[in-house]
């Protein structure tokens, strides 16, 4: 085993990342992490847990609102999706800032 951390198989099993909040509200079908069934209405998603979370939050464009999903679950999932979106945006800005600084430094070095 590498000293760089757990192998990919230890971080993710055949059913996907079980630390994801979505797995509290869905189950994998046929031992396939990309095929997930909603525990509230038994609808099956072929796109994985990401799609299920958007379905539960009722924020996916092509998904009808789910009456069977409790409001507290909707709020919890929306909160997590918003938080993840904010973290992703911060990461993008950081990468942009780093790349922007590197480009600016290379221009200064070329001019020197």
Protein backbone atom coordinates (compact mmCIF):
# COMPACT_ATOMS: atom_id res chain seq x y z
CA UNK A 1 0.00 0.00 0.00
CA UNK A 2 1.24 3.49 -0.82
CA UNK A 3 2.18 5.90 1.92
CA UNK A 4 0.24 8.61 0.09
CA UNK A 5 -3.05 7.53 1.62
CA UNK A 6 -5.75 4.94 1.21
CA UNK A 7 -6.13 3.31 -2.15
CA UNK A 8 -9.02 4.26 -4.36
CA UNK A 9 -10.78 1.01 -3.48
CA UNK A 10 -10.67 1.88 0.23
CA UNK A 11 -12.01 5.40 -0.32
CA UNK A 12 -14.86 4.28 -2.55
CA UNK A 13 -16.54 0.96 -2.65
CA UNK A 14 -18.80 -0.47 -5.34
CA UNK A 15 -21.71 1.52 -3.92
CA UNK A 16 -19.95 4.89 -4.16
CA UNK A 17 -18.96 7.31 -1.43
CA UNK A 18 -21.07 6.22 1.54
CA UNK A 19 -20.22 9.40 3.44
CA UNK A 20 -22.37 11.38 1.01
CA UNK A 21 -25.61 12.60 2.62
CA UNK A 22 -27.58 11.29 -0.34
CA UNK A 23 -27.06 7.70 0.75
CA UNK A 24 -29.32 8.35 3.75
CA UNK A 25 -32.19 8.78 1.30
CA UNK A 26 -31.29 6.39 -1.50
CA UNK A 27 -30.07 2.85 -2.04
CA UNK A 28 -27.99 1.45 -4.87
CA UNK A 29 -29.71 -0.91 -7.25
CA UNK A 30 -28.01 -4.06 -8.51
CA UNK A 31 -24.81 -3.11 -6.65
CA UNK A 32 -24.32 -0.26 -9.09
CA UNK A 33 -23.54 3.16 -7.53
CA UNK A 34 -24.80 4.89 -10.67
CA UNK A 35 -28.22 3.33 -10.26
CA UNK A 36 -29.90 4.75 -7.15
CA UNK A 37 -33.44 4.33 -5.82
CA UNK A 38 -35.15 7.04 -3.76
CA UNK A 39 -36.31 5.73 -0.36
CA UNK A 40 -39.33 8.06 -0.38
CA UNK A 41 -40.92 7.25 -3.73
CA UNK A 42 -38.86 4.32 -5.08
CA UNK A 43 -37.99 6.21 -8.28
CA UNK A 44 -34.75 4.90 -9.81
CA UNK A 45 -32.03 7.23 -11.10
CA UNK A 46 -29.42 5.98 -13.55
CA UNK A 47 -27.14 8.98 -13.03
CA UNK A 48 -26.12 8.31 -9.43
CA UNK A 49 -26.39 9.98 -6.05
CA UNK A 50 -25.72 13.48 -7.44
CA UNK A 51 -28.95 13.30 -9.42
CA UNK A 52 -30.87 11.93 -6.43
CA UNK A 53 -29.77 14.85 -4.24
CA UNK A 54 -30.99 17.38 -6.81
CA UNK A 55 -34.23 15.44 -7.08
CA UNK A 56 -34.69 15.49 -3.29
CA UNK A 57 -34.00 19.22 -3.18
CA UNK A 58 -36.44 19.81 -6.07
CA UNK A 59 -33.91 21.99 -7.86
CA UNK A 60 -33.23 19.96 -10.99
CA UNK A 61 -34.79 21.60 -14.04
CA UNK A 62 -36.33 18.48 -15.53
CA UNK A 63 -37.67 17.00 -12.29
CA UNK A 64 -41.14 17.57 -10.92
CA UNK A 65 -41.46 18.62 -7.26
CA UNK A 66 -41.61 15.68 -4.89
CA UNK A 67 -44.51 15.77 -2.46
CA UNK A 68 -43.24 12.61 -0.74
CA UNK A 69 -39.94 14.21 0.32
CA UNK A 70 -40.24 15.77 3.81
CA UNK A 71 -39.49 19.49 4.04
CA UNK A 72 -36.66 18.94 6.53
CA UNK A 73 -34.93 16.60 4.06
CA UNK A 74 -35.35 19.13 1.24
CA UNK A 75 -33.87 21.87 3.41
CA UNK A 76 -30.97 19.67 4.55
CA UNK A 77 -30.06 18.60 1.01
CA UNK A 78 -30.42 22.14 -0.36
CA UNK A 79 -28.15 23.41 2.41
CA UNK A 80 -25.49 20.84 1.55
CA UNK A 81 -25.75 21.52 -2.19
CA UNK A 82 -25.38 25.26 -1.60
CA UNK A 83 -22.41 24.71 0.71
CA UNK A 84 -20.75 22.44 -1.86
CA UNK A 85 -21.39 24.99 -4.58
CA UNK A 86 -19.83 27.76 -2.48
CA UNK A 87 -16.77 25.61 -1.72
CA UNK A 88 -16.39 24.79 -5.40
CA UNK A 89 -16.58 28.47 -6.31
CA UNK A 90 -13.91 29.33 -3.71
CA UNK A 91 -11.69 26.59 -5.11
CA UNK A 92 -12.17 27.88 -8.67
CA UNK A 93 -11.29 31.42 -7.58
CA UNK A 94 -8.20 30.18 -5.75
CA UNK A 95 -7.05 28.24 -8.81
CA UNK A 96 -7.74 31.24 -11.01
CA UNK A 97 -5.81 33.52 -8.63
CA UNK A 98 -2.86 31.13 -8.54
CA UNK A 99 -2.82 30.71 -12.31
CA UNK A 100 -3.30 34.45 -12.80
CA UNK A 101 -0.38 35.20 -10.46
CA UNK A 102 1.82 32.69 -12.25
CA UNK A 103 1.03 34.27 -15.60
CA UNK A 104 1.71 37.76 -14.23
CA UNK A 105 5.03 36.59 -12.73
CA UNK A 106 6.10 35.04 -16.01
CA UNK A 107 5.37 38.31 -17.80
CA UNK A 108 7.44 40.25 -15.27
CA UNK A 109 10.30 37.79 -15.60
CA UNK A 110 10.22 38.10 -19.38
CA UNK A 111 10.30 41.89 -19.13
CA UNK A 112 13.21 41.91 -16.63
